[in-house]
Amino acid sequence: MADDDAQRCDEPGELSEPRAEFDMEFVDWLPGGRAVIPVESQGRFTWLVVRGHVSEQARQEFVRELQHIVGRGLWRQDWPAGAD
């Protein structure tokens, strides 16, 4: 995902306050031969992906699905206010 594709998810017609943030970061290598690993930190959920293992079409579909899940309130990140 391009750096500018970080998502603060809301769908039209849903609450205007973002309930989750996620992005995708491409890396050269992940342990255990994995192609994708989710990493959660205070205020952000990042999918680490080995370069060349996710096509542009798959990335777009993944983003749409995450936007739907978050936009419908099925995934919430409840970190304390002021999380960095």
N, C-alpha and C. Protein backbone atom coordinates (compact mmCIF):
# COMPACT_ATOMS: atom_id res chain seq x y z
N MET A 1 0.85 -1.16 0.00
CA MET A 1 0.00 0.00 0.00
C MET A 1 0.89 1.22 0.00
N ALA A 2 0.55 2.16 -0.79
CA ALA A 2 1.35 3.38 -0.80
C ALA A 2 1.24 4.06 0.55
N ASP A 3 2.26 4.84 0.89
CA ASP A 3 2.26 5.51 2.18
C ASP A 3 1.02 6.36 2.40
N ASP A 4 0.45 6.91 1.32
CA ASP A 4 -0.72 7.76 1.49
C ASP A 4 -2.01 6.97 1.58
N ASP A 5 -1.94 5.64 1.60
CA ASP A 5 -3.13 4.82 1.68
C ASP A 5 -3.48 4.40 3.10
N ALA A 6 -2.83 4.97 4.09
CA ALA A 6 -3.23 4.67 5.47
C ALA A 6 -4.69 5.02 5.62
N GLN A 7 -5.42 4.19 6.31
CA GLN A 7 -6.86 4.34 6.38
C GLN A 7 -7.34 4.76 7.76
N ARG A 8 -8.21 5.74 7.79
CA ARG A 8 -9.02 6.05 8.97
C ARG A 8 -10.42 5.73 8.49
N CYS A 9 -10.93 4.60 8.91
CA CYS A 9 -12.10 4.03 8.26
C CYS A 9 -13.43 4.52 8.77
N ASP A 10 -14.23 4.95 7.85
CA ASP A 10 -15.65 5.20 8.02
C ASP A 10 -16.27 4.95 6.66
N GLU A 11 -17.46 4.43 6.65
CA GLU A 11 -18.19 4.27 5.41
C GLU A 11 -19.27 5.35 5.35
N PRO A 12 -19.70 5.74 4.15
CA PRO A 12 -20.77 6.72 4.04
C PRO A 12 -21.98 6.27 4.85
N GLY A 13 -22.57 7.21 5.56
CA GLY A 13 -23.74 6.87 6.36
C GLY A 13 -23.42 6.35 7.74
N GLU A 14 -22.17 6.14 8.03
CA GLU A 14 -21.77 5.65 9.35
C GLU A 14 -21.34 6.84 10.20
N LEU A 15 -21.01 6.58 11.45
CA LEU A 15 -20.53 7.63 12.33
C LEU A 15 -19.32 8.30 11.70
N SER A 16 -19.16 9.60 11.92
CA SER A 16 -18.06 10.30 11.28
C SER A 16 -16.74 10.13 12.03
N GLU A 17 -16.77 9.68 13.27
CA GLU A 17 -15.53 9.51 14.04
C GLU A 17 -14.86 8.19 13.66
N PRO A 18 -13.60 8.23 13.21
CA PRO A 18 -12.90 6.99 12.86
C PRO A 18 -12.82 6.06 14.07
N ARG A 19 -13.02 4.78 13.82
CA ARG A 19 -12.98 3.81 14.89
C ARG A 19 -11.78 2.90 14.83
N ALA A 20 -11.05 2.97 13.75
CA ALA A 20 -9.85 2.15 13.62
C ALA A 20 -8.95 2.79 12.58
N GLU A 21 -7.68 2.56 12.73
CA GLU A 21 -6.70 3.00 11.74
C GLU A 21 -5.85 1.81 11.35
N PHE A 22 -5.56 1.70 10.07
CA PHE A 22 -4.70 0.62 9.61
C PHE A 22 -3.92 1.08 8.40
N ASP A 23 -2.83 0.39 8.16
CA ASP A 23 -2.07 0.62 6.94
C ASP A 23 -1.33 -0.67 6.58
N MET A 24 -0.70 -0.65 5.43
CA MET A 24 0.06 -1.79 4.95
C MET A 24 1.46 -1.30 4.64
N GLU A 25 2.44 -1.98 5.18
CA GLU A 25 3.84 -1.60 4.96
C GLU A 25 4.56 -2.77 4.29
N PHE A 26 5.24 -2.49 3.21
CA PHE A 26 5.98 -3.52 2.50
C PHE A 26 7.38 -3.64 3.06
N VAL A 27 7.80 -4.89 3.27
CA VAL A 27 9.11 -5.18 3.85
C VAL A 27 9.82 -6.20 2.97
N ASP A 28 11.13 -6.36 3.19
CA ASP A 28 11.91 -7.31 2.40
C ASP A 28 11.81 -8.75 2.91
N TRP A 29 11.50 -8.90 4.20
CA TRP A 29 11.56 -10.24 4.80
C TRP A 29 10.71 -10.27 6.06
N LEU A 30 10.09 -11.42 6.34
CA LEU A 30 9.39 -11.64 7.60
C LEU A 30 9.82 -12.99 8.17
N PRO A 31 9.81 -13.14 9.47
CA PRO A 31 10.25 -14.39 10.08
C PRO A 31 9.32 -15.55 9.74
N GLY A 32 9.88 -16.74 9.75
CA GLY A 32 9.10 -17.96 9.54
C GLY A 32 8.59 -18.15 8.13
N GLY A 33 9.16 -17.41 7.18
CA GLY A 33 8.73 -17.55 5.79
C GLY A 33 7.34 -16.98 5.54
N ARG A 34 6.83 -16.20 6.46
CA ARG A 34 5.50 -15.62 6.30
C ARG A 34 5.51 -14.54 5.24
N ALA A 35 4.35 -14.36 4.58
CA ALA A 35 4.20 -13.31 3.59
C ALA A 35 3.51 -12.09 4.19
N VAL A 36 2.69 -12.30 5.24
CA VAL A 36 1.94 -11.21 5.86
C VAL A 36 1.90 -11.45 7.37
N ILE A 37 2.12 -10.37 8.12
CA ILE A 37 1.98 -10.44 9.59
C ILE A 37 1.29 -9.16 10.05
N PRO A 38 0.21 -9.28 10.83
CA PRO A 38 -0.41 -8.08 11.40
C PRO A 38 0.34 -7.65 12.66
N VAL A 39 0.54 -6.35 12.81
CA VAL A 39 1.24 -5.80 13.97
C VAL A 39 0.37 -4.70 14.55
N GLU A 40 0.07 -4.81 15.83
CA GLU A 40 -0.75 -3.81 16.48
C GLU A 40 0.11 -3.01 17.44
N SER A 41 -0.03 -1.70 17.38
CA SER A 41 0.65 -0.82 18.32
C SER A 41 -0.36 0.23 18.76
N GLN A 42 -0.01 0.97 19.77
CA GLN A 42 -0.93 1.97 20.30
C GLN A 42 -1.37 2.93 19.20
N GLY A 43 -2.64 2.90 18.85
CA GLY A 43 -3.17 3.83 17.87
C GLY A 43 -3.11 3.40 16.42
N ARG A 44 -2.56 2.25 16.10
CA ARG A 44 -2.41 1.86 14.70
C ARG A 44 -2.33 0.33 14.58
N PHE A 45 -2.90 -0.19 13.49
CA PHE A 45 -2.80 -1.60 13.15
C PHE A 45 -2.14 -1.65 11.78
N THR A 46 -0.98 -2.30 11.68
CA THR A 46 -0.21 -2.34 10.44
C THR A 46 -0.09 -3.78 9.95
N TRP A 47 -0.33 -3.97 8.68
CA TRP A 47 -0.11 -5.26 8.04
C TRP A 47 1.26 -5.19 7.37
N LEU A 48 2.22 -5.98 7.86
CA LEU A 48 3.53 -6.08 7.22
C LEU A 48 3.43 -7.12 6.11
N VAL A 49 3.87 -6.77 4.92
CA VAL A 49 3.73 -7.64 3.75
C VAL A 49 5.07 -7.70 3.03
N VAL A 50 5.51 -8.91 2.72
CA VAL A 50 6.75 -9.07 1.95
C VAL A 50 6.49 -8.62 0.52
N ARG A 51 7.36 -7.76 0.02
CA ARG A 51 7.23 -7.24 -1.35
C ARG A 51 7.07 -8.40 -2.34
N GLY A 52 6.16 -8.19 -3.28
CA GLY A 52 5.95 -9.18 -4.34
C GLY A 52 4.95 -10.27 -3.98
N HIS A 53 4.41 -10.25 -2.76
CA HIS A 53 3.48 -11.30 -2.35
C HIS A 53 2.03 -10.86 -2.36
N VAL A 54 1.76 -9.60 -2.63
CA VAL A 54 0.39 -9.11 -2.69
C VAL A 54 0.25 -8.28 -3.97
N SER A 55 -0.64 -8.72 -4.84
CA SER A 55 -0.87 -7.97 -6.08
C SER A 55 -1.64 -6.69 -5.78
N GLU A 56 -1.65 -5.78 -6.72
CA GLU A 56 -2.39 -4.53 -6.55
C GLU A 56 -3.88 -4.82 -6.40
N GLN A 57 -4.39 -5.77 -7.15
CA GLN A 57 -5.81 -6.12 -7.04
C GLN A 57 -6.12 -6.68 -5.65
N ALA A 58 -5.26 -7.55 -5.14
CA ALA A 58 -5.46 -8.11 -3.80
C ALA A 58 -5.40 -7.01 -2.75
N ARG A 59 -4.47 -6.07 -2.90
CA ARG A 59 -4.36 -4.97 -1.96
C ARG A 59 -5.64 -4.14 -1.93
N GLN A 60 -6.16 -3.82 -3.10
CA GLN A 60 -7.38 -3.02 -3.19
C GLN A 60 -8.57 -3.76 -2.57
N GLU A 61 -8.68 -5.06 -2.82
CA GLU A 61 -9.76 -5.85 -2.24
C GLU A 61 -9.63 -5.91 -0.72
N PHE A 62 -8.43 -6.06 -0.24
CA PHE A 62 -8.16 -6.12 1.20
C PHE A 62 -8.57 -4.80 1.87
N VAL A 63 -8.19 -3.69 1.26
CA VAL A 63 -8.55 -2.37 1.80
C VAL A 63 -10.07 -2.21 1.83
N ARG A 64 -10.75 -2.60 0.75
CA ARG A 64 -12.22 -2.49 0.72
C ARG A 64 -12.86 -3.32 1.82
N GLU A 65 -12.37 -4.52 2.03
CA GLU A 65 -12.93 -5.38 3.08
C GLU A 65 -12.70 -4.79 4.46
N LEU A 66 -11.49 -4.29 4.71
CA LEU A 66 -11.22 -3.67 6.00
C LEU A 66 -12.10 -2.43 6.21
N GLN A 67 -12.27 -1.63 5.18
CA GLN A 67 -13.12 -0.45 5.30
C GLN A 67 -14.55 -0.86 5.64
N HIS A 68 -15.03 -1.92 5.04
CA HIS A 68 -16.38 -2.41 5.33
C HIS A 68 -16.49 -2.89 6.78
N ILE A 69 -15.55 -3.70 7.21
CA ILE A 69 -15.56 -4.25 8.57
C ILE A 69 -15.52 -3.13 9.60
N VAL A 70 -14.63 -2.19 9.40
CA VAL A 70 -14.49 -1.08 10.35
C VAL A 70 -15.69 -0.14 10.24
N GLY A 71 -16.11 0.16 9.03
CA GLY A 71 -17.22 1.08 8.82
C GLY A 71 -18.52 0.60 9.43
N ARG A 72 -18.70 -0.70 9.53
CA ARG A 72 -19.91 -1.28 10.12
C ARG A 72 -19.77 -1.50 11.62
N GLY A 73 -18.62 -1.11 12.17
CA GLY A 73 -18.44 -1.24 13.61
C GLY A 73 -18.10 -2.65 14.06
N LEU A 74 -17.69 -3.50 13.13
CA LEU A 74 -17.35 -4.88 13.48
C LEU A 74 -15.94 -4.98 14.04
N TRP A 75 -15.14 -3.95 13.85
CA TRP A 75 -13.78 -3.91 14.40
C TRP A 75 -13.57 -2.52 14.97
N ARG A 76 -13.27 -2.46 16.24
CA ARG A 76 -13.01 -1.20 16.91
C ARG A 76 -11.68 -1.29 17.63
N GLN A 77 -10.97 -0.19 17.65
CA GLN A 77 -9.74 -0.09 18.39
C GLN A 77 -10.03 0.87 19.54
N ASP A 78 -10.00 0.37 20.75
CA ASP A 78 -10.37 1.17 21.91
C ASP A 78 -9.17 1.52 22.77
N TRP A 79 -8.24 2.27 22.18
CA TRP A 79 -7.09 2.72 22.93
C TRP A 79 -7.48 3.94 23.76
N PRO A 80 -6.75 4.19 24.81
CA PRO A 80 -7.04 5.38 25.61
C PRO A 80 -6.95 6.65 24.77
N ALA A 81 -7.73 7.65 25.13
CA ALA A 81 -7.71 8.94 24.43
C ALA A 81 -6.29 9.50 24.44
N GLY A 82 -5.90 10.12 23.35
CA GLY A 82 -4.56 10.71 23.27
C GLY A 82 -3.48 9.70 22.93
N ALA A 83 -3.86 8.50 22.44
CA ALA A 83 -2.87 7.49 22.08
C ALA A 83 -2.00 8.02 20.96
N ASP A 84 -0.72 7.74 21.04
CA ASP A 84 0.22 8.17 20.00
C ASP A 84 0.40 7.06 19.00
